[in-house]
Amino acid sequence: MKKPFALLLIIVPIYLSVPAWAQQKVMSAGIFTGITTTYSWDEGILSDPRYKSRYDIKLAPIGFSYGIDSDKVGFMFSPTFMRSGQNFTVLNTLGGQEGTRRVTYDHINIPLALKIPMFDVAFVKVSFVTGGSVAWLVKGSEEISHDAAKFRFPPETYPYLPADYTIEYDGVLIPKKTDFPMAATKDFNQVQVFVFAGFHWDWDVTEDYRVFFDIRVHYGLFEPRTSDYRARTAAFENYYDFPGQRRDLIGLFSVGVCKYLELDDKKEDHKKRAKQSKKKFVPKRYPWPGPRNKKGPKS
């Protein structure tokens, strides 16, 4: 049921945009860059005393934008390379900070957005945007780095702990770890579907170019990790992780520049009239009647 529903969320914005194509005002294409910040609602991490949430910024380095706008509605297609994922602070048995757990997803994200104009002031136009996207995973990783310290591990994980992890009455003493791999690309699902909403600013800096700003919040509909990985976690084989479902909420802020590709008929007519008004008026014939023929009709 989830996949047809997700597909519907992507198709609906396109369908609703069809009337705008018939009233086309302007087409544009451009390039943009941006940053992301992620909140992961993870049942395992929320119940795990070894971690505390932190919020970092990651780069969404490049994307391309193509849009069709009218007075009433707009349509925007903006594929981007997007890096996301939340980081967590690693805590020892006393609650002291010992390191960082880093989750990183690199996606090729293909969003389709519906733009609903909110207000237009002079050369600035603000729109509400909503839609959906399909994202293909390029690379995924989950790594942990921490100093030598004592941590709380569930007793179920003890049979899977390495030999240099020393079990004591009040925790497990662990040597220093640097970029220890908890999960790799193969442990994440290759396709994710997002629904999103946000706001879009268009700033017309010239007659041919505009600068735009875009803020969107993406919600991932699917669990990002594979069923095999979650099964190993449920069996406590992944001793740095607690079992539980995960959903990602990603905030994306982007800024870019685009060029108008095609203006509508009204603007073209306005330009033509402006050019014609500059030409000298030369009448094709006299505005008054021609001279009368004094000769009468032949008899």
C-alpha atoms as a PDB file:
ATOM      1  CA  MET A   1       0.000   0.000   0.000  1.00  0.00           C
ATOM      2  CA  LYS A   2       2.844   2.411   0.745  1.00  0.00           C
ATOM      3  CA  LYS A   3       4.335   2.461  -2.751  1.00  0.00           C
ATOM      4  CA  PRO A   4       1.082   3.333  -4.630  1.00  0.00           C
ATOM      5  CA  PHE A   5       0.353   6.005  -2.024  1.00  0.00           C
ATOM      6  CA  ALA A   6       3.851   7.490  -2.414  1.00  0.00           C
ATOM      7  CA  LEU A   7       3.501   7.457  -6.213  1.00  0.00           C
ATOM      8  CA  LEU A   8       0.169   9.255  -5.895  1.00  0.00           C
ATOM      9  CA  LEU A   9       1.780  11.985  -3.796  1.00  0.00           C
ATOM     10  CA  ILE A  10       4.226  12.654  -6.622  1.00  0.00           C
ATOM     11  CA  ILE A  11       1.721  12.484  -9.487  1.00  0.00           C
ATOM     12  CA  VAL A  12      -0.873  14.773  -7.880  1.00  0.00           C
ATOM     13  CA  PRO A  13       1.316  17.921  -7.980  1.00  0.00           C
ATOM     14  CA  ILE A  14       1.945  17.316 -11.684  1.00  0.00           C
ATOM     15  CA  TYR A  15      -1.742  16.844 -12.376  1.00  0.00           C
ATOM     16  CA  LEU A  16      -2.660  19.996 -10.490  1.00  0.00           C
ATOM     17  CA  SER A  17      -0.050  21.922 -12.470  1.00  0.00           C
ATOM     18  CA  VAL A  18      -1.607  21.162 -15.872  1.00  0.00           C
ATOM     19  CA  PRO A  19      -3.901  24.231 -15.850  1.00  0.00           C
ATOM     20  CA  ALA A  20      -0.833  26.410 -15.283  1.00  0.00           C
ATOM     21  CA  TRP A  21       0.748  25.175 -18.521  1.00  0.00           C
ATOM     22  CA  ALA A  22      -2.237  26.477 -20.452  1.00  0.00           C
ATOM     23  CA  GLN A  23      -1.765  29.912 -18.806  1.00  0.00           C
ATOM     24  CA  GLN A  24       1.982  29.874 -19.020  1.00  0.00           C
ATOM     25  CA  LYS A  25       3.674  33.036 -17.840  1.00  0.00           C
ATOM     26  CA  VAL A  26       7.374  32.278 -17.695  1.00  0.00           C
ATOM     27  CA  MET A  27       9.788  29.388 -17.947  1.00  0.00           C
ATOM     28  CA  SER A  28      13.166  29.373 -16.207  1.00  0.00           C
ATOM     29  CA  ALA A  29      16.197  27.150 -15.676  1.00  0.00           C
ATOM     30  CA  GLY A  30      19.102  27.492 -13.288  1.00  0.00           C
ATOM     31  CA  ILE A  31      21.514  26.037 -10.767  1.00  0.00           C
ATOM     32  CA  PHE A  32      21.584  26.088  -6.953  1.00  0.00           C
ATOM     33  CA  THR A  33      23.408  24.888  -3.845  1.00  0.00           C
ATOM     34  CA  GLY A  34      22.251  24.369  -0.282  1.00  0.00           C
ATOM     35  CA  ILE A  35      22.588  22.880   3.187  1.00  0.00           C
ATOM     36  CA  THR A  36      20.616  20.269   5.138  1.00  0.00           C
ATOM     37  CA  THR A  37      19.936  19.488   8.770  1.00  0.00           C
ATOM     38  CA  THR A  38      18.308  16.220   9.845  1.00  0.00           C
ATOM     39  CA  TYR A  39      16.250  14.922  12.734  1.00  0.00           C
ATOM     40  CA  SER A  40      15.978  11.129  12.946  1.00  0.00           C
ATOM     41  CA  TRP A  41      13.075   9.783  14.919  1.00  0.00           C
ATOM     42  CA  ASP A  42      14.783   6.508  15.914  1.00  0.00           C
ATOM     43  CA  GLU A  43      13.127   4.312  18.545  1.00  0.00           C
ATOM     44  CA  GLY A  44      16.411   2.542  19.299  1.00  0.00           C
ATOM     45  CA  ILE A  45      18.464   5.707  19.821  1.00  0.00           C
ATOM     46  CA  LEU A  46      15.730   7.366  21.889  1.00  0.00           C
ATOM     47  CA  SER A  47      15.851   4.454  24.350  1.00  0.00           C
ATOM     48  CA  ASP A  48      19.662   4.082  24.285  1.00  0.00           C
ATOM     49  CA  PRO A  49      21.511   5.846  27.165  1.00  0.00           C
ATOM     50  CA  ARG A  50      24.740   5.907  25.109  1.00  0.00           C
ATOM     51  CA  TYR A  51      23.546   8.651  22.743  1.00  0.00           C
ATOM     52  CA  LYS A  52      22.314  12.211  22.810  1.00  0.00           C
ATOM     53  CA  SER A  53      20.894  14.073  19.803  1.00  0.00           C
ATOM     54  CA  ARG A  54      22.865  16.872  18.172  1.00  0.00           C
ATOM     55  CA  TYR A  55      22.105  18.904  15.067  1.00  0.00           C
ATOM     56  CA  ASP A  56      24.742  19.571  12.438  1.00  0.00           C
ATOM     57  CA  ILE A  57      24.717  21.084   8.967  1.00  0.00           C
ATOM     58  CA  LYS A  58      25.647  19.082   5.889  1.00  0.00           C
ATOM     59  CA  LEU A  59      26.176  20.272   2.339  1.00  0.00           C
ATOM     60  CA  ALA A  60      23.799  19.682  -0.549  1.00  0.00           C
ATOM     61  CA  PRO A  61      26.438  20.864  -3.019  1.00  0.00           C
ATOM     62  CA  ILE A  62      24.637  21.156  -6.333  1.00  0.00           C
ATOM     63  CA  GLY A  63      21.247  20.989  -8.000  1.00  0.00           C
ATOM     64  CA  PHE A  64      19.470  22.056 -11.166  1.00  0.00           C
ATOM     65  CA  SER A  65      16.145  23.846 -11.404  1.00  0.00           C
ATOM     66  CA  TYR A  66      13.509  24.047 -14.109  1.00  0.00           C
ATOM     67  CA  GLY A  67      10.258  25.893 -13.525  1.00  0.00           C
ATOM     68  CA  ILE A  68       7.016  26.975 -15.153  1.00  0.00           C
ATOM     69  CA  ASP A  69       5.115  29.801 -13.461  1.00  0.00           C
ATOM     70  CA  SER A  70       1.769  31.451 -14.042  1.00  0.00           C
ATOM     71  CA  ASP A  71      -0.230  34.010 -12.077  1.00  0.00           C
ATOM     72  CA  LYS A  72      -2.135  31.312 -10.183  1.00  0.00           C
ATOM     73  CA  VAL A  73       0.175  28.300  -9.875  1.00  0.00           C
ATOM     74  CA  GLY A  74       3.668  27.117 -10.720  1.00  0.00           C
ATOM     75  CA  PHE A  75       5.570  23.906 -11.245  1.00  0.00           C
ATOM     76  CA  MET A  76       9.196  23.222 -10.275  1.00  0.00           C
ATOM     77  CA  PHE A  77      11.490  20.311 -11.106  1.00  0.00           C
ATOM     78  CA  SER A  78      14.792  20.484  -9.190  1.00  0.00           C
ATOM     79  CA  PRO A  79      17.019  17.367  -9.143  1.00  0.00           C
ATOM     80  CA  THR A  80      19.846  17.668  -6.621  1.00  0.00           C
ATOM     81  CA  PHE A  81      22.701  15.792  -5.014  1.00  0.00           C
ATOM     82  CA  MET A  82      21.674  15.893  -1.349  1.00  0.00           C
ATOM     83  CA  ARG A  83      23.712  14.893   1.703  1.00  0.00           C
ATOM     84  CA  SER A  84      21.780  14.380   4.942  1.00  0.00           C
ATOM     85  CA  GLY A  85      21.775  12.408   8.181  1.00  0.00           C
ATOM     86  CA  GLN A  86      21.818  13.206  11.880  1.00  0.00           C
ATOM     87  CA  ASN A  87      24.810  13.035  14.230  1.00  0.00           C
ATOM     88  CA  PHE A  88      24.710  11.997  17.897  1.00  0.00           C
ATOM     89  CA  THR A  89      26.951  12.607  20.900  1.00  0.00           C
ATOM     90  CA  VAL A  90      28.317   9.436  22.534  1.00  0.00           C
ATOM     91  CA  LEU A  91      27.921   9.343  26.339  1.00  0.00           C
ATOM     92  CA  ASN A  92      29.764   7.263  28.936  1.00  0.00           C
ATOM     93  CA  THR A  93      28.117   5.630  31.959  1.00  0.00           C
ATOM     94  CA  LEU A  94      28.237   8.936  33.871  1.00  0.00           C
ATOM     95  CA  GLY A  95      26.739  10.981  31.029  1.00  0.00           C
ATOM     96  CA  GLY A  96      30.021  12.526  29.936  1.00  0.00           C
ATOM     97  CA  GLN A  97      30.660  13.196  26.248  1.00  0.00           C
ATOM     98  CA  GLU A  98      33.156  10.799  24.702  1.00  0.00           C
ATOM     99  CA  GLY A  99      32.667  11.001  20.929  1.00  0.00           C
ATOM    100  CA  THR A 100      30.279  11.186  17.968  1.00  0.00           C
ATOM    101  CA  ARG A 101      28.028   8.827  16.055  1.00  0.00           C
ATOM    102  CA  ARG A 102      27.607  10.051  12.473  1.00  0.00           C
ATOM    103  CA  VAL A 103      24.861   9.012  10.050  1.00  0.00           C
ATOM    104  CA  THR A 104      25.325  10.115   6.425  1.00  0.00           C
ATOM    105  CA  TYR A 105      23.152   9.581   3.352  1.00  0.00           C
ATOM    106  CA  ASP A 106      24.177  10.738  -0.130  1.00  0.00           C
ATOM    107  CA  HIS A 107      21.116  10.798  -2.389  1.00  0.00           C
ATOM    108  CA  ILE A 108      20.299  11.856  -5.922  1.00  0.00           C
ATOM    109  CA  ASN A 109      16.983  13.483  -5.101  1.00  0.00           C
ATOM    110  CA  ILE A 110      14.382  14.072  -7.863  1.00  0.00           C
ATOM    111  CA  PRO A 111      11.605  16.340  -6.519  1.00  0.00           C
ATOM    112  CA  LEU A 112       8.496  17.639  -8.250  1.00  0.00           C
ATOM    113  CA  ALA A 113       6.990  20.685  -6.549  1.00  0.00           C
ATOM    114  CA  LEU A 114       3.756  22.607  -6.866  1.00  0.00           C
ATOM    115  CA  LYS A 115       4.172  26.378  -6.271  1.00  0.00           C
ATOM    116  CA  ILE A 116       1.191  28.311  -4.954  1.00  0.00           C
ATOM    117  CA  PRO A 117       1.807  32.100  -4.979  1.00  0.00           C
ATOM    118  CA  MET A 118       1.166  33.785  -1.644  1.00  0.00           C
ATOM    119  CA  PHE A 119       2.008  37.405  -2.463  1.00  0.00           C
ATOM    120  CA  ASP A 120       3.937  39.370  -5.055  1.00  0.00           C
ATOM    121  CA  VAL A 121       5.573  42.662  -4.042  1.00  0.00           C
ATOM    122  CA  ALA A 122       7.389  44.574  -6.789  1.00  0.00           C
ATOM    123  CA  PHE A 123      10.144  42.254  -7.983  1.00  0.00           C
ATOM    124  CA  VAL A 124       9.847  39.694  -5.108  1.00  0.00           C
ATOM    125  CA  LYS A 125       7.417  36.787  -5.228  1.00  0.00           C
ATOM    126  CA  VAL A 126       6.780  34.385  -2.333  1.00  0.00           C
ATOM    127  CA  SER A 127       5.180  30.976  -2.900  1.00  0.00           C
ATOM    128  CA  PHE A 128       4.141  27.981  -0.835  1.00  0.00           C
ATOM    129  CA  VAL A 129       5.669  24.777  -2.233  1.00  0.00           C
ATOM    130  CA  THR A 130       4.603  21.184  -1.711  1.00  0.00           C
ATOM    131  CA  GLY A 131       5.138  17.894  -3.490  1.00  0.00           C
ATOM    132  CA  GLY A 132       7.103  14.670  -3.419  1.00  0.00           C
ATOM    133  CA  SER A 133      10.397  13.210  -4.534  1.00  0.00           C
ATOM    134  CA  VAL A 134      12.151   9.948  -5.239  1.00  0.00           C
ATOM    135  CA  ALA A 135      15.736   9.659  -3.955  1.00  0.00           C
ATOM    136  CA  TRP A 136      18.335   7.102  -5.026  1.00  0.00           C
ATOM    137  CA  LEU A 137      21.076   6.278  -2.546  1.00  0.00           C
ATOM    138  CA  VAL A 138      24.605   6.847  -3.842  1.00  0.00           C
ATOM    139  CA  LYS A 139      26.406   6.151  -0.573  1.00  0.00           C
ATOM    140  CA  GLY A 140      25.375   5.580   3.027  1.00  0.00           C
ATOM    141  CA  SER A 141      27.386   5.181   6.198  1.00  0.00           C
ATOM    142  CA  GLU A 142      27.004   5.088   9.959  1.00  0.00           C
ATOM    143  CA  GLU A 143      30.229   5.461  11.943  1.00  0.00           C
ATOM    144  CA  ILE A 144      31.182   5.972  15.570  1.00  0.00           C
ATOM    145  CA  SER A 145      34.290   7.554  17.086  1.00  0.00           C
ATOM    146  CA  HIS A 146      34.962   7.781  20.817  1.00  0.00           C
ATOM    147  CA  ASP A 147      37.715   7.823  23.415  1.00  0.00           C
ATOM    148  CA  ALA A 148      38.506   4.897  25.680  1.00  0.00           C
ATOM    149  CA  ALA A 149      35.710   4.877  28.247  1.00  0.00           C
ATOM    150  CA  LYS A 150      33.044   2.825  29.979  1.00  0.00           C
ATOM    151  CA  PHE A 151      29.635   2.498  28.286  1.00  0.00           C
ATOM    152  CA  ARG A 152      26.340   0.797  29.035  1.00  0.00           C
ATOM    153  CA  PHE A 153      25.595  -2.196  26.797  1.00  0.00           C
ATOM    154  CA  PRO A 154      22.541  -4.463  27.047  1.00  0.00           C
ATOM    155  CA  PRO A 155      23.449  -7.886  28.463  1.00  0.00           C
ATOM    156  CA  GLU A 156      22.058  -9.435  25.255  1.00  0.00           C
ATOM    157  CA  THR A 157      25.009  -7.938  23.349  1.00  0.00           C
ATOM    158  CA  TYR A 158      27.722  -9.481  25.537  1.00  0.00           C
ATOM    159  CA  PRO A 159      28.145 -12.659  23.427  1.00  0.00           C
ATOM    160  CA  TYR A 160      28.899 -10.495  20.354  1.00  0.00           C
ATOM    161  CA  LEU A 161      31.397  -8.083  21.951  1.00  0.00           C
ATOM    162  CA  PRO A 162      35.037  -8.206  20.746  1.00  0.00           C
ATOM    163  CA  ALA A 163      37.691  -9.667  23.012  1.00  0.00           C
ATOM    164  CA  ASP A 164      39.131  -6.256  23.930  1.00  0.00           C
ATOM    165  CA  TYR A 165      35.803  -5.069  25.372  1.00  0.00           C
ATOM    166  CA  THR A 166      35.994  -5.636  29.131  1.00  0.00           C
ATOM    167  CA  ILE A 167      32.706  -6.348  30.894  1.00  0.00           C
ATOM    168  CA  GLU A 168      32.485  -4.895  34.410  1.00  0.00           C
ATOM    169  CA  TYR A 169      29.680  -4.709  36.959  1.00  0.00           C
ATOM    170  CA  ASP A 170      28.689  -1.144  35.998  1.00  0.00           C
ATOM    171  CA  GLY A 171      29.321  -1.191  32.243  1.00  0.00           C
ATOM    172  CA  VAL A 172      31.706  -2.216  29.493  1.00  0.00           C
ATOM    173  CA  LEU A 173      35.198  -0.737  29.204  1.00  0.00           C
ATOM    174  CA  ILE A 174      36.014  -0.075  25.549  1.00  0.00           C
ATOM    175  CA  PRO A 175      39.259   1.056  23.888  1.00  0.00           C
ATOM    176  CA  LYS A 176      39.378   4.150  21.678  1.00  0.00           C
ATOM    177  CA  LYS A 177      37.595   3.843  18.329  1.00  0.00           C
ATOM    178  CA  THR A 178      38.022   6.048  15.252  1.00  0.00           C
ATOM    179  CA  ASP A 179      35.471   5.901  12.414  1.00  0.00           C
ATOM    180  CA  PHE A 180      34.306   2.447  13.486  1.00  0.00           C
ATOM    181  CA  PRO A 181      31.769   1.272  10.840  1.00  0.00           C
ATOM    182  CA  MET A 182      28.336   0.485  12.218  1.00  0.00           C
ATOM    183  CA  ALA A 183      26.593   0.358   8.809  1.00  0.00           C
ATOM    184  CA  ALA A 184      27.672   0.683   5.168  1.00  0.00           C
ATOM    185  CA  THR A 185      25.861   1.395   1.884  1.00  0.00           C
ATOM    186  CA  LYS A 186      24.620  -2.194   1.617  1.00  0.00           C
ATOM    187  CA  ASP A 187      22.784  -1.786   4.931  1.00  0.00           C
ATOM    188  CA  PHE A 188      20.550   1.012   3.610  1.00  0.00           C
ATOM    189  CA  ASN A 189      17.635   0.841   1.191  1.00  0.00           C
ATOM    190  CA  GLN A 190      18.523   2.076  -2.275  1.00  0.00           C
ATOM    191  CA  VAL A 191      15.310   4.071  -2.807  1.00  0.00           C
ATOM    192  CA  GLN A 192      13.596   6.538  -0.515  1.00  0.00           C
ATOM    193  CA  VAL A 193      10.419   8.537  -1.105  1.00  0.00           C
ATOM    194  CA  PHE A 194       9.916  11.957   0.467  1.00  0.00           C
ATOM    195  CA  VAL A 195       6.950  14.280   0.810  1.00  0.00           C
ATOM    196  CA  PHE A 196       7.809  17.896   1.486  1.00  0.00           C
ATOM    197  CA  ALA A 197       6.444  21.382   2.091  1.00  0.00           C
ATOM    198  CA  GLY A 198       8.010  24.800   2.470  1.00  0.00           C
ATOM    199  CA  PHE A 199       8.398  28.286   1.020  1.00  0.00           C
ATOM    200  CA  HIS A 200      10.050  29.683  -2.104  1.00  0.00           C
ATOM    201  CA  TRP A 201      11.255  33.236  -2.790  1.00  0.00           C
ATOM    202  CA  ASP A 202      11.851  34.539  -6.349  1.00  0.00           C
ATOM    203  CA  TRP A 203      13.792  37.780  -6.681  1.00  0.00           C
ATOM    204  CA  ASP A 204      13.922  39.220 -10.211  1.00  0.00           C
ATOM    205  CA  VAL A 205      17.288  40.981 -10.327  1.00  0.00           C
ATOM    206  CA  THR A 206      17.072  41.737 -14.077  1.00  0.00           C
ATOM    207  CA  GLU A 207      14.651  41.123 -16.947  1.00  0.00           C
ATOM    208  CA  ASP A 208      16.522  37.908 -17.766  1.00  0.00           C
ATOM    209  CA  TYR A 209      17.752  36.551 -14.406  1.00  0.00           C
ATOM    210  CA  ARG A 210      16.321  35.822 -10.988  1.00  0.00           C
ATOM    211  CA  VAL A 211      17.803  34.754  -7.641  1.00  0.00           C
ATOM    212  CA  PHE A 212      15.747  32.329  -5.572  1.00  0.00           C
ATOM    213  CA  PHE A 213      15.711  31.002  -2.008  1.00  0.00           C
ATOM    214  CA  ASP A 214      13.961  27.806  -1.006  1.00  0.00           C
ATOM    215  CA  ILE A 215      13.226  26.260   2.414  1.00  0.00           C
ATOM    216  CA  ARG A 216      11.674  22.776   2.509  1.00  0.00           C
ATOM    217  CA  VAL A 217      11.084  20.103   5.120  1.00  0.00           C
ATOM    218  CA  HIS A 218      11.253  16.526   3.765  1.00  0.00           C
ATOM    219  CA  TYR A 219       9.718  13.520   5.492  1.00  0.00           C
ATOM    220  CA  GLY A 220      10.970  10.066   4.491  1.00  0.00           C
ATOM    221  CA  LEU A 221       8.106   7.616   4.104  1.00  0.00           C
ATOM    222  CA  PHE A 222      10.217   4.466   4.349  1.00  0.00           C
ATOM    223  CA  GLU A 223      12.609   2.998   6.908  1.00  0.00           C
ATOM    224  CA  PRO A 224      16.069   3.909   5.545  1.00  0.00           C
ATOM    225  CA  ARG A 225      17.775   0.692   6.734  1.00  0.00           C
ATOM    226  CA  THR A 226      17.346  -2.754   5.176  1.00  0.00           C
ATOM    227  CA  SER A 227      15.327  -5.501   6.808  1.00  0.00           C
ATOM    228  CA  ASP A 228      18.495  -7.635   7.146  1.00  0.00           C
ATOM    229  CA  TYR A 229      20.253  -4.917   9.125  1.00  0.00           C
ATOM    230  CA  ARG A 230      17.243  -4.413  11.389  1.00  0.00           C
ATOM    231  CA  ALA A 231      16.993  -8.185  11.950  1.00  0.00           C
ATOM    232  CA  ARG A 232      20.623  -8.280  13.105  1.00  0.00           C
ATOM    233  CA  THR A 233      19.971  -5.310  15.369  1.00  0.00           C
ATOM    234  CA  ALA A 234      16.888  -6.982  16.849  1.00  0.00           C
ATOM    235  CA  ALA A 235      19.110  -9.983  17.672  1.00  0.00           C
ATOM    236  CA  PHE A 236      21.633  -7.557  19.325  1.00  0.00           C
ATOM    237  CA  GLU A 237      24.383  -8.547  16.885  1.00  0.00           C
ATOM    238  CA  ASN A 238      24.914  -4.840  16.119  1.00  0.00           C
ATOM    239  CA  TYR A 239      26.059  -4.150  19.655  1.00  0.00           C
ATOM    240  CA  TYR A 240      26.295  -0.361  19.201  1.00  0.00           C
ATOM    241  CA  ASP A 241      22.633  -0.141  18.247  1.00  0.00           C
ATOM    242  CA  PHE A 242      19.244  -0.733  19.862  1.00  0.00           C
ATOM    243  CA  PRO A 243      16.365  -2.214  17.817  1.00  0.00           C
ATOM    244  CA  GLY A 244      13.611   0.137  16.658  1.00  0.00           C
ATOM    245  CA  GLN A 245      12.076   1.890  13.676  1.00  0.00           C
ATOM    246  CA  ARG A 246      13.619   5.031  12.142  1.00  0.00           C
ATOM    247  CA  ARG A 247      12.153   7.896  10.109  1.00  0.00           C
ATOM    248  CA  ASP A 248      14.079  10.930   8.892  1.00  0.00           C
ATOM    249  CA  LEU A 249      12.934  14.549   8.803  1.00  0.00           C
ATOM    250  CA  ILE A 250      15.259  16.652   6.624  1.00  0.00           C
ATOM    251  CA  GLY A 251      15.323  20.421   6.374  1.00  0.00           C
ATOM    252  CA  LEU A 252      16.811  21.754   3.113  1.00  0.00           C
ATOM    253  CA  PHE A 253      17.750  25.390   2.532  1.00  0.00           C
ATOM    254  CA  SER A 254      18.908  26.244  -0.980  1.00  0.00           C
ATOM    255  CA  VAL A 255      19.905  29.374  -2.896  1.00  0.00           C
ATOM    256  CA  GLY A 256      20.371  29.654  -6.634  1.00  0.00           C
ATOM    257  CA  VAL A 257      20.164  31.682  -9.799  1.00  0.00           C
ATOM    258  CA  CYS A 258      18.127  30.997 -12.922  1.00  0.00           C
ATOM    259  CA  LYS A 259      17.549  32.495 -16.348  1.00  0.00           C
ATOM    260  CA  TYR A 260      14.234  33.080 -18.055  1.00  0.00           C
ATOM    261  CA  LEU A 261      13.848  30.771 -21.015  1.00  0.00           C
ATOM    262  CA  GLU A 262      10.566  31.927 -22.527  1.00  0.00           C
ATOM    263  CA  LEU A 263       8.158  34.776 -21.806  1.00  0.00           C
ATOM    264  CA  ASP A 264       4.422  34.617 -22.301  1.00  0.00           C
ATOM    265  CA  ASP A 265       2.503  36.288 -25.155  1.00  0.00           C
ATOM    266  CA  LYS A 266       1.514  39.284 -23.052  1.00  0.00           C
ATOM    267  CA  LYS A 267       5.094  40.203 -22.274  1.00  0.00           C
ATOM    268  CA  GLU A 268       6.165  39.628 -25.866  1.00  0.00           C
ATOM    269  CA  ASP A 269       3.350  41.867 -27.098  1.00  0.00           C
ATOM    270  CA  HIS A 270       4.350  44.502 -24.586  1.00  0.00           C
ATOM    271  CA  LYS A 271       7.926  44.443 -25.874  1.00  0.00           C
ATOM    272  CA  LYS A 272       6.746  44.692 -29.486  1.00  0.00           C
ATOM    273  CA  ARG A 273       4.503  47.637 -28.673  1.00  0.00           C
ATOM    274  CA  ALA A 274       7.361  49.354 -26.841  1.00  0.00           C
ATOM    275  CA  LYS A 275       9.612  48.976 -29.884  1.00  0.00           C
ATOM    276  CA  GLN A 276       6.929  50.202 -32.264  1.00  0.00           C
ATOM    277  CA  SER A 277       6.245  53.283 -30.142  1.00  0.00           C
ATOM    278  CA  LYS A 278       9.845  54.408 -30.633  1.00  0.00           C
ATOM    279  CA  LYS A 279       9.523  54.457 -34.441  1.00  0.00           C
ATOM    280  CA  LYS A 280       8.592  57.667 -36.246  1.00  0.00           C
ATOM    281  CA  PHE A 281       4.975  57.745 -37.327  1.00  0.00           C
ATOM    282  CA  VAL A 282       4.662  57.814 -41.105  1.00  0.00           C
ATOM    283  CA  PRO A 283       1.077  57.745 -42.390  1.00  0.00           C
ATOM    284  CA  LYS A 284       0.406  55.571 -45.389  1.00  0.00           C
ATOM    285  CA  ARG A 285      -2.024  58.139 -46.903  1.00  0.00           C
ATOM    286  CA  TYR A 286      -3.309  61.633 -46.248  1.00  0.00           C
ATOM    287  CA  PRO A 287      -5.716  61.990 -43.357  1.00  0.00           C
ATOM    288  CA  TRP A 288      -7.887  64.370 -45.455  1.00  0.00           C
ATOM    289  CA  PRO A 289      -9.811  63.657 -48.699  1.00  0.00           C
ATOM    290  CA  GLY A 290      -7.913  63.858 -51.985  1.00  0.00           C
ATOM    291  CA  PRO A 291      -8.344  66.780 -54.444  1.00  0.00           C
ATOM    292  CA  ARG A 292     -11.601  66.937 -56.364  1.00  0.00           C
ATOM    293  CA  ASN A 293     -11.538  66.156 -60.063  1.00  0.00           C
ATOM    294  CA  LYS A 294     -12.643  69.417 -61.752  1.00  0.00           C
ATOM    295  CA  LYS A 295     -13.384  67.754 -65.050  1.00  0.00           C
ATOM    296  CA  GLY A 296     -16.904  66.673 -65.460  1.00  0.00           C
ATOM    297  CA  PRO A 297     -17.979  63.391 -66.882  1.00  0.00           C
ATOM    298  CA  LYS A 298     -17.515  62.879 -70.581  1.00  0.00           C
ATOM    299  CA  SER A 299     -20.628  63.164 -72.625  1.00  0.00           C
END
